[in-house]
């Protein structure tokens, strides 16, 4: 149970720090702070990364041979969430601008990197 807590708390801390930096940068450039579903993007990416990590952690012994495919399936689920819940909202004004892109993909990339290192860590053991 300790690796699950370590992963979850670490991810929440990292995403909180990145979120604060993200908001700070937006504020410095006098850009809208909480538009483009930025809060939802951070929360959804965090929750999905935790769920994927937990799933992989519990399946590591039962489905060790398929773990890579399950990991890729988790990435597919994240993109599915993007295209269902974020993309239509972002395309309402006709295009996907850099602020909209950053609002979703900054937490996505941070979560993906953290998740990857977390999975590598438990696979080494």
C-alpha atoms as a PDB file:
ATOM      1  CA  UNK A   1       0.000   0.000   0.000  1.00  0.00           C
ATOM      2  CA  UNK A   2       2.951   2.331   0.578  1.00  0.00           C
ATOM      3  CA  UNK A   3       3.866   2.682  -3.150  1.00  0.00           C
ATOM      4  CA  UNK A   4       0.275   3.668  -3.949  1.00  0.00           C
ATOM      5  CA  UNK A   5       0.265   6.379  -1.290  1.00  0.00           C
ATOM      6  CA  UNK A   6       3.736   7.559  -2.330  1.00  0.00           C
ATOM      7  CA  UNK A   7       2.692   7.796  -5.970  1.00  0.00           C
ATOM      8  CA  UNK A   8      -0.617   9.551  -5.272  1.00  0.00           C
ATOM      9  CA  UNK A   9       0.774  12.075  -2.820  1.00  0.00           C
ATOM     10  CA  UNK A  10       3.808  12.756  -5.017  1.00  0.00           C
ATOM     11  CA  UNK A  11       1.670  13.330  -8.094  1.00  0.00           C
ATOM     12  CA  UNK A  12      -0.709  15.627  -6.230  1.00  0.00           C
ATOM     13  CA  UNK A  13       2.208  17.670  -4.885  1.00  0.00           C
ATOM     14  CA  UNK A  14       3.949  17.893  -8.282  1.00  0.00           C
ATOM     15  CA  UNK A  15       0.750  18.864 -10.099  1.00  0.00           C
ATOM     16  CA  UNK A  16      -0.083  21.439  -7.416  1.00  0.00           C
ATOM     17  CA  UNK A  17       3.327  23.069  -7.835  1.00  0.00           C
ATOM     18  CA  UNK A  18       3.063  22.997 -11.638  1.00  0.00           C
ATOM     19  CA  UNK A  19      -0.470  24.419 -11.416  1.00  0.00           C
ATOM     20  CA  UNK A  20       0.762  27.282  -9.218  1.00  0.00           C
ATOM     21  CA  UNK A  21       3.581  28.006 -11.682  1.00  0.00           C
ATOM     22  CA  UNK A  22       1.137  27.790 -14.600  1.00  0.00           C
ATOM     23  CA  UNK A  23      -1.227  30.290 -12.950  1.00  0.00           C
ATOM     24  CA  UNK A  24       1.694  32.547 -12.005  1.00  0.00           C
ATOM     25  CA  UNK A  25       2.900  32.650 -15.619  1.00  0.00           C
ATOM     26  CA  UNK A  26      -0.603  33.416 -16.867  1.00  0.00           C
ATOM     27  CA  UNK A  27      -0.863  36.210 -14.313  1.00  0.00           C
ATOM     28  CA  UNK A  28       2.535  37.668 -15.298  1.00  0.00           C
ATOM     29  CA  UNK A  29       1.397  37.936 -18.913  1.00  0.00           C
ATOM     30  CA  UNK A  30      -1.992  39.336 -17.857  1.00  0.00           C
ATOM     31  CA  UNK A  31      -3.816  36.356 -19.358  1.00  0.00           C
ATOM     32  CA  UNK A  32      -7.051  34.847 -18.061  1.00  0.00           C
ATOM     33  CA  UNK A  33      -6.197  32.614 -15.099  1.00  0.00           C
ATOM     34  CA  UNK A  34      -8.984  30.086 -14.760  1.00  0.00           C
ATOM     35  CA  UNK A  35     -10.345  29.830 -18.266  1.00  0.00           C
ATOM     36  CA  UNK A  36      -9.914  26.994 -20.749  1.00  0.00           C
ATOM     37  CA  UNK A  37     -10.991  24.449 -18.133  1.00  0.00           C
ATOM     38  CA  UNK A  38      -7.555  24.547 -16.561  1.00  0.00           C
ATOM     39  CA  UNK A  39      -8.724  23.319 -13.152  1.00  0.00           C
ATOM     40  CA  UNK A  40     -10.657  20.451 -14.699  1.00  0.00           C
ATOM     41  CA  UNK A  41      -7.630  19.525 -16.813  1.00  0.00           C
ATOM     42  CA  UNK A  42      -5.345  19.279 -13.800  1.00  0.00           C
ATOM     43  CA  UNK A  43      -7.887  17.336 -11.741  1.00  0.00           C
ATOM     44  CA  UNK A  44      -8.838  14.902 -14.514  1.00  0.00           C
ATOM     45  CA  UNK A  45      -5.212  14.228 -15.483  1.00  0.00           C
ATOM     46  CA  UNK A  46      -4.320  13.634 -11.843  1.00  0.00           C
ATOM     47  CA  UNK A  47      -7.254  11.298 -11.185  1.00  0.00           C
ATOM     48  CA  UNK A  48      -6.697   9.340 -14.399  1.00  0.00           C
ATOM     49  CA  UNK A  49      -2.958   8.955 -13.732  1.00  0.00           C
ATOM     50  CA  UNK A  50      -3.680   7.666 -10.218  1.00  0.00           C
ATOM     51  CA  UNK A  51      -6.337   5.235 -11.480  1.00  0.00           C
ATOM     52  CA  UNK A  52      -4.058   3.951 -14.240  1.00  0.00           C
ATOM     53  CA  UNK A  53      -1.132   3.556 -11.847  1.00  0.00           C
ATOM     54  CA  UNK A  54      -3.307   1.725  -9.290  1.00  0.00           C
ATOM     55  CA  UNK A  55      -4.654  -0.571 -12.012  1.00  0.00           C
ATOM     56  CA  UNK A  56      -1.189  -1.384 -13.320  1.00  0.00           C
ATOM     57  CA  UNK A  57       0.126  -1.886  -9.801  1.00  0.00           C
ATOM     58  CA  UNK A  58      -2.581  -4.416  -8.983  1.00  0.00           C
ATOM     59  CA  UNK A  59      -2.280  -6.196 -12.325  1.00  0.00           C
ATOM     60  CA  UNK A  60       1.532  -6.351 -12.391  1.00  0.00           C
ATOM     61  CA  UNK A  61       1.630  -9.987 -11.214  1.00  0.00           C
ATOM     62  CA  UNK A  62      -1.545 -11.265 -12.876  1.00  0.00           C
ATOM     63  CA  UNK A  63      -0.946  -9.730 -16.302  1.00  0.00           C
ATOM     64  CA  UNK A  64       2.782  -9.019 -16.363  1.00  0.00           C
ATOM     65  CA  UNK A  65       3.097  -9.866 -20.064  1.00  0.00           C
ATOM     66  CA  UNK A  66       0.342  -7.418 -21.039  1.00  0.00           C
ATOM     67  CA  UNK A  67       1.385  -4.549 -18.768  1.00  0.00           C
ATOM     68  CA  UNK A  68       2.825  -2.490 -21.631  1.00  0.00           C
ATOM     69  CA  UNK A  69      -0.414  -2.762 -23.580  1.00  0.00           C
ATOM     70  CA  UNK A  70      -2.413  -1.845 -20.477  1.00  0.00           C
ATOM     71  CA  UNK A  71      -0.169   1.182 -19.987  1.00  0.00           C
ATOM     72  CA  UNK A  72      -0.785   2.280 -23.582  1.00  0.00           C
ATOM     73  CA  UNK A  73      -4.489   1.674 -23.023  1.00  0.00           C
ATOM     74  CA  UNK A  74      -4.321   4.107 -20.114  1.00  0.00           C
ATOM     75  CA  UNK A  75      -2.862   6.748 -22.431  1.00  0.00           C
ATOM     76  CA  UNK A  76      -5.664   6.034 -24.874  1.00  0.00           C
ATOM     77  CA  UNK A  77      -8.198   6.633 -22.092  1.00  0.00           C
ATOM     78  CA  UNK A  78      -6.582   9.997 -21.309  1.00  0.00           C
ATOM     79  CA  UNK A  79      -6.832  11.036 -24.964  1.00  0.00           C
ATOM     80  CA  UNK A  80     -10.424   9.824 -25.054  1.00  0.00           C
ATOM     81  CA  UNK A  81     -11.206  12.106 -22.106  1.00  0.00           C
ATOM     82  CA  UNK A  82      -9.526  14.974 -23.937  1.00  0.00           C
ATOM     83  CA  UNK A  83     -11.532  14.448 -27.121  1.00  0.00           C
ATOM     84  CA  UNK A  84     -14.828  13.978 -25.280  1.00  0.00           C
ATOM     85  CA  UNK A  85     -14.621  16.607 -22.529  1.00  0.00           C
ATOM     86  CA  UNK A  86     -12.124  19.228 -23.676  1.00  0.00           C
ATOM     87  CA  UNK A  87     -11.751  19.291 -27.453  1.00  0.00           C
ATOM     88  CA  UNK A  88     -15.373  20.283 -28.227  1.00  0.00           C
ATOM     89  CA  UNK A  89     -15.107  23.140 -25.711  1.00  0.00           C
ATOM     90  CA  UNK A  90     -11.790  24.292 -27.164  1.00  0.00           C
ATOM     91  CA  UNK A  91     -13.058  24.130 -30.767  1.00  0.00           C
ATOM     92  CA  UNK A  92     -16.104  26.334 -30.058  1.00  0.00           C
ATOM     93  CA  UNK A  93     -14.199  29.434 -31.130  1.00  0.00           C
ATOM     94  CA  UNK A  94     -12.960  27.749 -34.287  1.00  0.00           C
ATOM     95  CA  UNK A  95      -9.512  26.629 -33.231  1.00  0.00           C
ATOM     96  CA  UNK A  96      -7.262  25.332 -30.527  1.00  0.00           C
ATOM     97  CA  UNK A  97      -5.089  28.220 -29.318  1.00  0.00           C
ATOM     98  CA  UNK A  98      -1.897  27.926 -27.298  1.00  0.00           C
ATOM     99  CA  UNK A  99      -3.586  28.723 -23.971  1.00  0.00           C
ATOM    100  CA  UNK A 100      -6.148  25.986 -24.495  1.00  0.00           C
ATOM    101  CA  UNK A 101      -3.439  23.578 -25.578  1.00  0.00           C
ATOM    102  CA  UNK A 102      -1.307  24.361 -22.520  1.00  0.00           C
ATOM    103  CA  UNK A 103      -4.282  24.121 -20.142  1.00  0.00           C
ATOM    104  CA  UNK A 104      -4.712  20.441 -20.966  1.00  0.00           C
ATOM    105  CA  UNK A 105      -1.337  19.228 -22.146  1.00  0.00           C
ATOM    106  CA  UNK A 106       0.855  20.683 -19.389  1.00  0.00           C
ATOM    107  CA  UNK A 107      -0.860  18.542 -16.717  1.00  0.00           C
ATOM    108  CA  UNK A 108      -1.103  15.662 -19.201  1.00  0.00           C
ATOM    109  CA  UNK A 109       2.658  15.628 -19.831  1.00  0.00           C
ATOM    110  CA  UNK A 110       3.577  16.074 -16.151  1.00  0.00           C
ATOM    111  CA  UNK A 111       1.198  13.255 -15.167  1.00  0.00           C
ATOM    112  CA  UNK A 112       2.505  11.023 -17.942  1.00  0.00           C
ATOM    113  CA  UNK A 113       6.129  11.535 -16.940  1.00  0.00           C
ATOM    114  CA  UNK A 114       5.388  10.968 -13.256  1.00  0.00           C
ATOM    115  CA  UNK A 115       3.276   7.917 -14.073  1.00  0.00           C
ATOM    116  CA  UNK A 116       6.003   6.478 -16.305  1.00  0.00           C
ATOM    117  CA  UNK A 117       8.661   6.800 -13.615  1.00  0.00           C
ATOM    118  CA  UNK A 118       6.244   5.341 -11.043  1.00  0.00           C
ATOM    119  CA  UNK A 119       5.575   2.292 -13.197  1.00  0.00           C
ATOM    120  CA  UNK A 120       9.286   1.845 -13.922  1.00  0.00           C
ATOM    121  CA  UNK A 121       9.962   1.958 -10.188  1.00  0.00           C
ATOM    122  CA  UNK A 122       7.565  -0.852  -9.288  1.00  0.00           C
ATOM    123  CA  UNK A 123       8.595  -2.922 -12.307  1.00  0.00           C
ATOM    124  CA  UNK A 124      12.224  -2.897 -11.147  1.00  0.00           C
ATOM    125  CA  UNK A 125      11.261  -4.640  -7.899  1.00  0.00           C
END
